[in-house]
C-alpha atoms as a PDB file:
ATOM      1  CA  MET A   1     130.573  66.086 132.553  1.00  0.00           C
ATOM      2  CA  ALA A   2     130.920  62.357 131.703  1.00  0.00           C
ATOM      3  CA  HIS A   3     134.471  61.127 131.055  1.00  0.00           C
ATOM      4  CA  TRP A   4     133.656  60.062 127.488  1.00  0.00           C
ATOM      5  CA  GLU A   5     132.616  63.601 126.590  1.00  0.00           C
ATOM      6  CA  ARG A   6     136.238  64.651 127.064  1.00  0.00           C
ATOM      7  CA  VAL A   7     137.541  61.884 124.798  1.00  0.00           C
ATOM      8  CA  ASP A   8     138.025  62.044 121.036  1.00  0.00           C
ATOM      9  CA  LEU A   9     136.149  58.931 119.888  1.00  0.00           C
ATOM     10  CA  ASN A  10     138.275  58.931 116.727  1.00  0.00           C
ATOM     11  CA  LEU A  11     141.025  57.483 118.943  1.00  0.00           C
ATOM     12  CA  LEU A  12     139.118  54.220 119.496  1.00  0.00           C
ATOM     13  CA  ALA A  13     140.191  52.604 116.223  1.00  0.00           C
ATOM     14  CA  PRO A  14     143.909  53.505 116.712  1.00  0.00           C
ATOM     15  CA  LEU A  15     143.713  52.284 120.306  1.00  0.00           C
ATOM     16  CA  ALA A  16     142.261  48.920 119.266  1.00  0.00           C
ATOM     17  CA  ALA A  17     144.888  48.532 116.540  1.00  0.00           C
ATOM     18  CA  LEU A  18     147.795  49.419 118.899  1.00  0.00           C
ATOM     19  CA  LEU A  19     146.637  47.003 121.596  1.00  0.00           C
ATOM     20  CA  GLU A  20     146.201  44.205 119.068  1.00  0.00           C
ATOM     21  CA  GLU A  21     149.418  44.697 117.077  1.00  0.00           C
ATOM     22  CA  LYS A  22     151.660  46.028 119.881  1.00  0.00           C
ATOM     23  CA  HIS A  23     153.591  47.766 117.120  1.00  0.00           C
ATOM     24  CA  VAL A  24     153.198  51.324 115.831  1.00  0.00           C
ATOM     25  CA  SER A  25     153.896  50.625 112.139  1.00  0.00           C
ATOM     26  CA  ARG A  26     151.657  47.558 111.923  1.00  0.00           C
ATOM     27  CA  ALA A  27     148.905  49.347 113.844  1.00  0.00           C
ATOM     28  CA  ALA A  28     149.170  52.280 111.440  1.00  0.00           C
ATOM     29  CA  ALA A  29     148.727  49.981 108.453  1.00  0.00           C
ATOM     30  CA  ARG A  30     145.762  48.242 110.105  1.00  0.00           C
ATOM     31  CA  ALA A  31     144.042  51.542 110.897  1.00  0.00           C
ATOM     32  CA  HIS A  32     144.907  53.045 107.483  1.00  0.00           C
ATOM     33  CA  LEU A  33     147.029  55.800 109.052  1.00  0.00           C
ATOM     34  CA  SER A  34     150.561  56.994 108.390  1.00  0.00           C
ATOM     35  CA  GLN A  35     153.151  56.023 110.969  1.00  0.00           C
ATOM     36  CA  PRO A  36     153.570  59.631 112.193  1.00  0.00           C
ATOM     37  CA  ALA A  37     149.770  59.909 112.580  1.00  0.00           C
ATOM     38  CA  MET A  38     149.689  56.693 114.614  1.00  0.00           C
ATOM     39  CA  SER A  39     152.567  57.935 116.772  1.00  0.00           C
ATOM     40  CA  ARG A  40     150.616  61.119 117.472  1.00  0.00           C
ATOM     41  CA  ALA A  41     147.520  59.054 118.284  1.00  0.00           C
ATOM     42  CA  LEU A  42     149.543  56.968 120.754  1.00  0.00           C
ATOM     43  CA  ALA A  43     150.839  60.131 122.426  1.00  0.00           C
ATOM     44  CA  ARG A  44     147.296  61.489 122.762  1.00  0.00           C
ATOM     45  CA  LEU A  45     146.020  58.176 124.129  1.00  0.00           C
ATOM     46  CA  ARG A  46     148.778  58.086 126.725  1.00  0.00           C
ATOM     47  CA  ASP A  47     147.885  61.612 127.779  1.00  0.00           C
ATOM     48  CA  THR A  48     144.139  60.973 127.822  1.00  0.00           C
ATOM     49  CA  LEU A  49     144.362  57.688 129.738  1.00  0.00           C
ATOM     50  CA  ASP A  50     147.309  58.707 131.911  1.00  0.00           C
ATOM     51  CA  ASP A  51     149.024  55.417 131.123  1.00  0.00           C
ATOM     52  CA  GLU A  52     151.898  54.349 128.845  1.00  0.00           C
ATOM     53  CA  LEU A  53     149.791  51.560 127.341  1.00  0.00           C
ATOM     54  CA  LEU A  54     152.737  50.169 125.357  1.00  0.00           C
ATOM     55  CA  VAL A  55     156.139  49.711 127.033  1.00  0.00           C
ATOM     56  CA  ARG A  56     159.221  48.635 125.095  1.00  0.00           C
ATOM     57  CA  GLY A  57     160.774  45.365 126.253  1.00  0.00           C
ATOM     58  CA  HIS A  58     163.456  42.958 124.989  1.00  0.00           C
ATOM     59  CA  THR A  59     161.073  41.327 122.520  1.00  0.00           C
ATOM     60  CA  GLY A  60     159.172  44.468 121.496  1.00  0.00           C
ATOM     61  CA  TYR A  61     156.348  46.456 123.011  1.00  0.00           C
ATOM     62  CA  GLN A  62     154.341  44.958 125.856  1.00  0.00           C
ATOM     63  CA  LEU A  63     150.937  45.984 127.163  1.00  0.00           C
ATOM     64  CA  THR A  64     150.620  47.604 130.557  1.00  0.00           C
ATOM     65  CA  PRO A  65     148.034  46.142 132.970  1.00  0.00           C
ATOM     66  CA  ARG A  66     145.733  49.066 132.124  1.00  0.00           C
ATOM     67  CA  ALA A  67     146.148  48.323 128.411  1.00  0.00           C
ATOM     68  CA  GLU A  68     145.298  44.648 128.958  1.00  0.00           C
ATOM     69  CA  ARG A  69     142.087  45.614 130.737  1.00  0.00           C
ATOM     70  CA  LEU A  70     141.239  48.069 127.966  1.00  0.00           C
ATOM     71  CA  GLN A  71     141.769  45.386 125.351  1.00  0.00           C
ATOM     72  CA  ARG A  72     139.293  43.065 127.075  1.00  0.00           C
ATOM     73  CA  GLN A  73     136.759  45.880 127.425  1.00  0.00           C
ATOM     74  CA  LEU A  74     137.122  46.957 123.792  1.00  0.00           C
ATOM     75  CA  ALA A  75     136.437  43.393 122.672  1.00  0.00           C
ATOM     76  CA  ALA A  76     132.932  43.802 124.129  1.00  0.00           C
ATOM     77  CA  VAL A  77     132.374  47.489 123.321  1.00  0.00           C
ATOM     78  CA  LEU A  78     133.492  47.768 119.688  1.00  0.00           C
ATOM     79  CA  PRO A  79     131.005  45.230 118.261  1.00  0.00           C
ATOM     80  CA  ARG A  80     128.200  47.139 119.983  1.00  0.00           C
ATOM     81  CA  LEU A  81     129.427  50.406 118.523  1.00  0.00           C
ATOM     82  CA  ASP A  82     129.579  48.771 115.114  1.00  0.00           C
ATOM     83  CA  VAL A  83     125.921  47.794 115.440  1.00  0.00           C
ATOM     84  CA  LEU A  84     125.053  51.269 116.755  1.00  0.00           C
ATOM     85  CA  PHE A  85     126.534  53.050 113.732  1.00  0.00           C
ATOM     86  CA  THR A  86     125.623  50.532 111.041  1.00  0.00           C
ATOM     87  CA  PRO A  87     122.872  51.863 108.729  1.00  0.00           C
ATOM     88  CA  GLU A  88     119.490  50.346 109.576  1.00  0.00           C
ATOM     89  CA  VAL A  89     117.896  47.917 107.170  1.00  0.00           C
ATOM     90  CA  PHE A  90     114.105  47.656 107.280  1.00  0.00           C
ATOM     91  CA  ASP A  91     112.622  44.212 106.733  1.00  0.00           C
ATOM     92  CA  PRO A  92     108.847  44.584 106.336  1.00  0.00           C
ATOM     93  CA  ARG A  93     108.264  40.835 106.726  1.00  0.00           C
ATOM     94  CA  SER A  94     109.544  40.809 110.308  1.00  0.00           C
ATOM     95  CA  ALA A  95     108.798  44.416 111.301  1.00  0.00           C
ATOM     96  CA  THR A  96     106.234  45.210 113.986  1.00  0.00           C
ATOM     97  CA  GLU A  97     105.659  48.871 113.099  1.00  0.00           C
ATOM     98  CA  THR A  98     102.515  50.944 113.499  1.00  0.00           C
ATOM     99  CA  PHE A  99     102.036  53.102 110.404  1.00  0.00           C
ATOM    100  CA  ARG A 100      99.656  56.043 110.859  1.00  0.00           C
ATOM    101  CA  LEU A 101      97.955  57.753 107.931  1.00  0.00           C
ATOM    102  CA  ALA A 102      95.394  60.557 107.823  1.00  0.00           C
ATOM    103  CA  GLY A 103      93.118  61.955 105.152  1.00  0.00           C
ATOM    104  CA  THR A 104      89.528  62.295 104.003  1.00  0.00           C
ATOM    105  CA  ASP A 105      87.382  59.387 102.843  1.00  0.00           C
ATOM    106  CA  TYR A 106      88.591  60.070  99.281  1.00  0.00           C
ATOM    107  CA  PRO A 107      91.977  58.248  99.516  1.00  0.00           C
ATOM    108  CA  ILE A 108      90.410  55.441 101.562  1.00  0.00           C
ATOM    109  CA  THR A 109      87.807  54.903  98.829  1.00  0.00           C
ATOM    110  CA  VAL A 110      89.996  55.273  95.760  1.00  0.00           C
ATOM    111  CA  PHE A 111      93.369  53.715  96.552  1.00  0.00           C
ATOM    112  CA  GLY A 112      92.949  52.695 100.193  1.00  0.00           C
ATOM    113  CA  PRO A 113      91.949  49.058  99.555  1.00  0.00           C
ATOM    114  CA  ALA A 114      94.928  48.464  97.256  1.00  0.00           C
ATOM    115  CA  LEU A 115      97.269  50.118  99.767  1.00  0.00           C
ATOM    116  CA  PHE A 116      95.883  48.127 102.662  1.00  0.00           C
ATOM    117  CA  ARG A 117      96.378  44.865 100.747  1.00  0.00           C
ATOM    118  CA  ARG A 118     100.000  45.732  99.976  1.00  0.00           C
ATOM    119  CA  VAL A 119     100.837  46.600 103.568  1.00  0.00           C
ATOM    120  CA  VAL A 120      99.095  43.539 105.001  1.00  0.00           C
ATOM    121  CA  ASP A 121     100.802  41.281 102.447  1.00  0.00           C
ATOM    122  CA  GLN A 122     104.308  42.748 102.678  1.00  0.00           C
ATOM    123  CA  ALA A 123     104.386  43.705 106.382  1.00  0.00           C
ATOM    124  CA  PRO A 124     102.073  41.123 107.978  1.00  0.00           C
ATOM    125  CA  GLN A 125     103.161  41.817 111.561  1.00  0.00           C
ATOM    126  CA  SER A 126     102.742  45.589 111.332  1.00  0.00           C
ATOM    127  CA  THR A 127      99.636  47.694 111.929  1.00  0.00           C
ATOM    128  CA  LEU A 128      98.177  50.345 109.637  1.00  0.00           C
ATOM    129  CA  THR A 129      95.817  52.991 111.028  1.00  0.00           C
ATOM    130  CA  PHE A 130      93.928  55.624 109.042  1.00  0.00           C
ATOM    131  CA  SER A 131      92.618  58.689 110.889  1.00  0.00           C
ATOM    132  CA  ALA A 132      89.950  61.070 109.636  1.00  0.00           C
ATOM    133  CA  TRP A 133      90.982  64.457 108.321  1.00  0.00           C
ATOM    134  CA  HIS A 134      90.528  67.315 110.819  1.00  0.00           C
ATOM    135  CA  PRO A 135      91.725  70.944 111.010  1.00  0.00           C
ATOM    136  CA  ALA A 136      94.701  70.124 113.272  1.00  0.00           C
ATOM    137  CA  VAL A 137      95.966  67.185 111.196  1.00  0.00           C
ATOM    138  CA  PHE A 138      99.223  68.963 110.335  1.00  0.00           C
ATOM    139  CA  ASP A 139      99.797  69.570 114.039  1.00  0.00           C
ATOM    140  CA  ASP A 140      99.490  65.802 114.475  1.00  0.00           C
ATOM    141  CA  LEU A 141     102.182  65.434 111.840  1.00  0.00           C
ATOM    142  CA  GLU A 142     104.433  67.885 113.688  1.00  0.00           C
ATOM    143  CA  ARG A 143     104.152  66.078 117.018  1.00  0.00           C
ATOM    144  CA  GLY A 144     104.558  62.613 115.560  1.00  0.00           C
ATOM    145  CA  ALA A 145     100.984  61.378 116.054  1.00  0.00           C
ATOM    146  CA  VAL A 146     100.645  60.816 112.295  1.00  0.00           C
ATOM    147  CA  ASP A 147     103.260  59.630 109.786  1.00  0.00           C
ATOM    148  CA  VAL A 148     101.716  60.605 106.427  1.00  0.00           C
ATOM    149  CA  VAL A 149      98.896  63.003 105.548  1.00  0.00           C
ATOM    150  CA  PHE A 150      97.014  62.973 102.222  1.00  0.00           C
ATOM    151  CA  PHE A 151      95.507  66.173 100.853  1.00  0.00           C
ATOM    152  CA  GLY A 152      94.405  67.868  97.641  1.00  0.00           C
ATOM    153  CA  VAL A 153      95.612  71.474  98.017  1.00  0.00           C
ATOM    154  CA  ALA A 154      98.989  73.212  97.973  1.00  0.00           C
ATOM    155  CA  PRO A 155     101.124  71.646 100.728  1.00  0.00           C
ATOM    156  CA  PRO A 156     102.588  73.603 103.657  1.00  0.00           C
ATOM    157  CA  GLN A 157     106.101  74.599 102.651  1.00  0.00           C
ATOM    158  CA  HIS A 158     107.773  73.415 105.863  1.00  0.00           C
ATOM    159  CA  LEU A 159     106.782  69.786 105.260  1.00  0.00           C
ATOM    160  CA  CYS A 160     108.337  67.149 103.046  1.00  0.00           C
ATOM    161  CA  THR A 161     105.874  66.396 100.256  1.00  0.00           C
ATOM    162  CA  ARG A 162     105.323  64.207  97.244  1.00  0.00           C
ATOM    163  CA  HIS A 163     102.871  64.825  94.393  1.00  0.00           C
ATOM    164  CA  LEU A 164     101.086  61.507  93.907  1.00  0.00           C
ATOM    165  CA  PHE A 165      98.733  62.161  90.993  1.00  0.00           C
ATOM    166  CA  THR A 166      96.442  64.671  89.318  1.00  0.00           C
ATOM    167  CA  GLU A 167      92.710  64.060  88.987  1.00  0.00           C
ATOM    168  CA  PRO A 168      89.995  66.041  87.178  1.00  0.00           C
ATOM    169  CA  PHE A 169      86.744  67.032  88.833  1.00  0.00           C
ATOM    170  CA  VAL A 170      83.294  66.048  87.620  1.00  0.00           C
ATOM    171  CA  CYS A 171      79.944  67.672  88.396  1.00  0.00           C
ATOM    172  CA  VAL A 172      77.259  65.221  89.525  1.00  0.00           C
ATOM    173  CA  LEU A 173      73.645  66.180  88.806  1.00  0.00           C
ATOM    174  CA  SER A 174      70.324  64.441  89.158  1.00  0.00           C
ATOM    175  CA  ALA A 175      69.106  62.976  85.864  1.00  0.00           C
ATOM    176  CA  ASN A 176      66.180  65.426  85.900  1.00  0.00           C
ATOM    177  CA  HIS A 177      68.343  68.499  86.571  1.00  0.00           C
ATOM    178  CA  PRO A 178      67.780  71.293  83.988  1.00  0.00           C
ATOM    179  CA  LEU A 179      71.504  71.205  83.096  1.00  0.00           C
ATOM    180  CA  ALA A 180      71.847  67.422  83.015  1.00  0.00           C
ATOM    181  CA  ALA A 181      72.172  67.340  79.212  1.00  0.00           C
ATOM    182  CA  ARG A 182      75.170  69.697  79.148  1.00  0.00           C
ATOM    183  CA  ARG A 183      78.625  68.297  78.388  1.00  0.00           C
ATOM    184  CA  ARG A 184      80.269  71.084  80.394  1.00  0.00           C
ATOM    185  CA  LEU A 185      78.935  73.838  82.633  1.00  0.00           C
ATOM    186  CA  SER A 186      79.984  77.421  82.151  1.00  0.00           C
ATOM    187  CA  LEU A 187      81.280  79.222  85.210  1.00  0.00           C
ATOM    188  CA  GLN A 188      78.144  81.323  85.427  1.00  0.00           C
ATOM    189  CA  GLU A 189      75.856  78.293  85.126  1.00  0.00           C
ATOM    190  CA  TYR A 190      77.888  76.586  87.822  1.00  0.00           C
ATOM    191  CA  LEU A 191      77.719  79.545  90.197  1.00  0.00           C
ATOM    192  CA  ASP A 192      73.977  79.948  89.636  1.00  0.00           C
ATOM    193  CA  CYS A 193      73.402  76.411  90.952  1.00  0.00           C
ATOM    194  CA  ALA A 194      72.969  75.313  94.542  1.00  0.00           C
ATOM    195  CA  HIS A 195      75.708  72.963  95.654  1.00  0.00           C
ATOM    196  CA  VAL A 196      76.487  69.985  97.824  1.00  0.00           C
ATOM    197  CA  VAL A 197      79.750  70.877  99.560  1.00  0.00           C
ATOM    198  CA  VAL A 198      82.006  68.258 101.130  1.00  0.00           C
ATOM    199  CA  ASP A 199      83.104  69.866 104.394  1.00  0.00           C
ATOM    200  CA  VAL A 200      86.835  69.199 104.308  1.00  0.00           C
ATOM    201  CA  HIS A 201      87.899  72.268 106.273  1.00  0.00           C
ATOM    202  CA  ASP A 202      85.877  75.015 107.900  1.00  0.00           C
ATOM    203  CA  GLY A 203      82.798  74.395 105.780  1.00  0.00           C
ATOM    204  CA  THR A 204      84.666  74.389 102.492  1.00  0.00           C
ATOM    205  CA  GLN A 205      85.727  71.775  99.979  1.00  0.00           C
ATOM    206  CA  THR A 206      89.209  73.216  99.779  1.00  0.00           C
ATOM    207  CA  ALA A 207      90.393  71.796  96.443  1.00  0.00           C
ATOM    208  CA  VAL A 208      87.365  73.398  94.728  1.00  0.00           C
ATOM    209  CA  ASP A 209      86.552  76.445  96.818  1.00  0.00           C
ATOM    210  CA  ARG A 210      90.106  77.783  96.923  1.00  0.00           C
ATOM    211  CA  GLN A 211      90.142  77.837  93.117  1.00  0.00           C
ATOM    212  CA  LEU A 212      86.864  79.729  93.030  1.00  0.00           C
ATOM    213  CA  ALA A 213      88.058  82.171  95.682  1.00  0.00           C
ATOM    214  CA  ALA A 214      91.148  82.906  93.576  1.00  0.00           C
ATOM    215  CA  LEU A 215      88.744  83.947  90.801  1.00  0.00           C
ATOM    216  CA  GLY A 216      86.765  86.108  93.200  1.00  0.00           C
ATOM    217  CA  ALA A 217      83.831  83.704  92.894  1.00  0.00           C
ATOM    218  CA  HIS A 218      81.872  81.741  95.455  1.00  0.00           C
ATOM    219  CA  ARG A 219      79.270  78.983  95.099  1.00  0.00           C
ATOM    220  CA  ARG A 220      76.128  78.706  97.202  1.00  0.00           C
ATOM    221  CA  PRO A 221      76.213  75.707  99.543  1.00  0.00           C
ATOM    222  CA  ALA A 222      72.704  74.296  99.947  1.00  0.00           C
ATOM    223  CA  LEU A 223      73.946  71.144 101.665  1.00  0.00           C
ATOM    224  CA  GLN A 224      77.137  70.300 103.525  1.00  0.00           C
ATOM    225  CA  VAL A 225      78.160  66.670 104.005  1.00  0.00           C
ATOM    226  CA  PRO A 226      81.158  65.255 105.897  1.00  0.00           C
ATOM    227  CA  TYR A 227      82.172  62.639 103.315  1.00  0.00           C
ATOM    228  CA  HIS A 228      82.776  62.594  99.564  1.00  0.00           C
ATOM    229  CA  SER A 229      80.958  59.268  99.329  1.00  0.00           C
ATOM    230  CA  THR A 230      77.662  60.828 100.459  1.00  0.00           C
ATOM    231  CA  ALA A 231      77.702  63.743  98.017  1.00  0.00           C
ATOM    232  CA  ALA A 232      76.672  61.970  94.807  1.00  0.00           C
ATOM    233  CA  PRO A 233      73.622  60.152  96.277  1.00  0.00           C
ATOM    234  CA  ALA A 234      72.539  63.439  97.860  1.00  0.00           C
ATOM    235  CA  VAL A 235      71.822  65.097  94.484  1.00  0.00           C
ATOM    236  CA  VAL A 236      69.294  62.487  93.284  1.00  0.00           C
ATOM    237  CA  GLY A 237      65.878  64.061  92.777  1.00  0.00           C
ATOM    238  CA  THR A 238      67.165  67.603  93.495  1.00  0.00           C
ATOM    239  CA  HIS A 239      68.572  70.589  91.599  1.00  0.00           C
ATOM    240  CA  LEU A 240      71.831  70.383  93.570  1.00  0.00           C
ATOM    241  CA  VAL A 241      75.292  69.947  92.047  1.00  0.00           C
ATOM    242  CA  ALA A 242      78.142  67.995  93.662  1.00  0.00           C
ATOM    243  CA  THR A 243      81.709  68.508  92.447  1.00  0.00           C
ATOM    244  CA  LEU A 244      83.824  65.417  93.024  1.00  0.00           C
ATOM    245  CA  PRO A 245      87.101  63.828  91.911  1.00  0.00           C
ATOM    246  CA  GLU A 246      86.393  61.770  88.813  1.00  0.00           C
ATOM    247  CA  ARG A 247      87.638  58.412  90.076  1.00  0.00           C
ATOM    248  CA  LEU A 248      85.182  58.506  92.978  1.00  0.00           C
ATOM    249  CA  LEU A 249      82.391  58.220  90.433  1.00  0.00           C
ATOM    250  CA  THR A 250      83.466  55.026  88.705  1.00  0.00           C
ATOM    251  CA  ASP A 251      80.532  53.126  90.168  1.00  0.00           C
ATOM    252  CA  HIS A 252      78.026  55.863  89.275  1.00  0.00           C
ATOM    253  CA  GLY A 253      78.689  56.067  85.532  1.00  0.00           C
ATOM    254  CA  ASN A 254      75.759  53.826  84.632  1.00  0.00           C
ATOM    255  CA  ASP A 255      73.424  55.049  87.364  1.00  0.00           C
ATOM    256  CA  PRO A 256      70.222  56.154  85.557  1.00  0.00           C
ATOM    257  CA  THR A 257      69.385  58.579  88.369  1.00  0.00           C
ATOM    258  CA  LEU A 258      72.589  60.602  87.886  1.00  0.00           C
ATOM    259  CA  ARG A 259      74.370  62.556  85.163  1.00  0.00           C
ATOM    260  CA  LEU A 260      78.096  63.385  85.067  1.00  0.00           C
ATOM    261  CA  VAL A 261      78.964  66.755  83.538  1.00  0.00           C
ATOM    262  CA  ARG A 262      82.313  68.469  83.112  1.00  0.00           C
ATOM    263  CA  PRO A 263      82.842  71.420  85.473  1.00  0.00           C
ATOM    264  CA  PRO A 264      83.720  74.921  84.279  1.00  0.00           C
ATOM    265  CA  ALA A 265      87.141  75.071  82.630  1.00  0.00           C
ATOM    266  CA  GLU A 266      88.193  77.444  85.407  1.00  0.00           C
ATOM    267  CA  ILE A 267      88.093  74.550  87.905  1.00  0.00           C
ATOM    268  CA  GLU A 268      91.360  72.786  87.224  1.00  0.00           C
ATOM    269  CA  PRO A 269      92.172  69.168  88.098  1.00  0.00           C
ATOM    270  CA  MET A 270      93.163  68.423  91.655  1.00  0.00           C
ATOM    271  CA  ARG A 271      96.835  67.808  92.404  1.00  0.00           C
ATOM    272  CA  TYR A 272      96.943  65.223  95.172  1.00  0.00           C
ATOM    273  CA  TRP A 273      99.792  65.009  97.661  1.00  0.00           C
ATOM    274  CA  MET A 274     101.189  63.143 100.601  1.00  0.00           C
ATOM    275  CA  ALA A 275     103.171  64.974 103.279  1.00  0.00           C
ATOM    276  CA  TRP A 276     105.436  63.914 106.125  1.00  0.00           C
ATOM    277  CA  HIS A 277     107.694  65.574 108.689  1.00  0.00           C
ATOM    278  CA  ALA A 278     111.414  66.004 107.979  1.00  0.00           C
ATOM    279  CA  ARG A 279     112.077  64.137 111.231  1.00  0.00           C
ATOM    280  CA  VAL A 280     111.122  60.826 109.575  1.00  0.00           C
ATOM    281  CA  ASP A 281     112.445  61.600 106.103  1.00  0.00           C
ATOM    282  CA  ASP A 282     115.373  59.151 106.344  1.00  0.00           C
ATOM    283  CA  ASP A 283     113.771  56.535 108.598  1.00  0.00           C
ATOM    284  CA  PRO A 284     113.926  53.165 106.758  1.00  0.00           C
ATOM    285  CA  ALA A 285     110.451  52.070 107.849  1.00  0.00           C
ATOM    286  CA  GLN A 286     108.921  55.377 106.804  1.00  0.00           C
ATOM    287  CA  ARG A 287     110.766  55.345 103.485  1.00  0.00           C
ATOM    288  CA  TRP A 288     109.316  51.893 102.843  1.00  0.00           C
ATOM    289  CA  LEU A 289     105.825  53.148 103.718  1.00  0.00           C
ATOM    290  CA  ARG A 290     106.079  56.108 101.339  1.00  0.00           C
ATOM    291  CA  ALA A 291     107.472  53.909  98.560  1.00  0.00           C
ATOM    292  CA  THR A 292     104.551  51.512  99.074  1.00  0.00           C
ATOM    293  CA  ILE A 293     102.068  54.405  98.879  1.00  0.00           C
ATOM    294  CA  GLN A 294     103.742  55.653  95.710  1.00  0.00           C
ATOM    295  CA  ALA A 295     103.712  52.197  94.115  1.00  0.00           C
ATOM    296  CA  THR A 296     100.039  51.831  94.989  1.00  0.00           C
ATOM    297  CA  THR A 297      98.965  55.152  93.506  1.00  0.00           C
ATOM    298  CA  ASP A 298     101.125  54.484  90.440  1.00  0.00           C
ATOM    299  CA  SER A 299      99.113  51.314  89.914  1.00  0.00           C
ATOM    300  CA  VAL A 300      95.823  53.221  90.132  1.00  0.00           C
ATOM    301  CA  TYR A 301      96.773  56.428  88.311  1.00  0.00           C
ATOM    302  CA  GLU A 302      99.200  57.368  85.606  1.00  0.00           C
ATOM    303  CA  ARG A 303     102.626  57.868  87.146  1.00  0.00           C
ATOM    304  CA  PRO A 304     103.315  61.633  87.592  1.00  0.00           C
ATOM    305  CA  GLU A 305     106.630  63.216  86.808  1.00  0.00           C
ATOM    306  CA  PRO A 306     108.932  63.038  89.865  1.00  0.00           C
ATOM    307  CA  GLU A 307     108.319  65.984  92.107  1.00  0.00           C
ATOM    308  CA  SER A 308     109.281  66.202  95.764  1.00  0.00           C
ATOM    309  CA  THR A 309     110.407  68.774  98.295  1.00  0.00           C
ATOM    310  CA  ALA A 310     112.079  68.629 101.683  1.00  0.00           C
END
């Protein structure tokens, strides 16, 4: 066992004060201790170091040779300890961090550009990477390969999470689809259609298909695509229906080849989240990253009521 493991590090401050003041009462005042407490600390130090440290002389206490050496060593050690235990302050302007995000193409499309601009502007020497969503993405979070994951279903309970915003779904149909004139589809009409499914996980578009499964209903996938951005163009000239987050369709509102129809009332808006591991919950750089993500989504969506878990 190392020698320091047998030492009460709480004795360092009393030791430094005693060696500097060479007087028990003054050292006690300097270390904010009572005189009896400082006397006990001196007794423990003498026992621990096997040295008297302070020896009474004609003009007061004098340092032993061991105490003089300790005083010189503490002058170098204590400032380093102060730095070691001082709370970290993150300065994005000078930081050289690598921030790692993961999600589908949805967050990249909707708020990614605004987020990227903020990070590049505020942390110009850092790097931001965005990885594609995959089934083991939460394992990446666990092992530290990813810092923040974005997703649109109920978050795993063991992770720290933050609800970023809520977004309604919209059904995208070809302009010549038999139901294109509807304002909203009924659940039965919706289920009778053939669908374009964005393959988020295991062939399902989780934010939609989990809601249907909870109702005991299932839609018929006629086409599976890997990205949200490819789903709307895929319905043109077909009888397929794509169900997508509303903000993804901003650029399609005036497209004469498409119609946007409200989904069945049973399909509720998507609650969108970010998640991170408790290991990085208090890290200053990671806190800055999450605050930047929150500020970005607040600028794109209405600010949600505060809601977080850890």
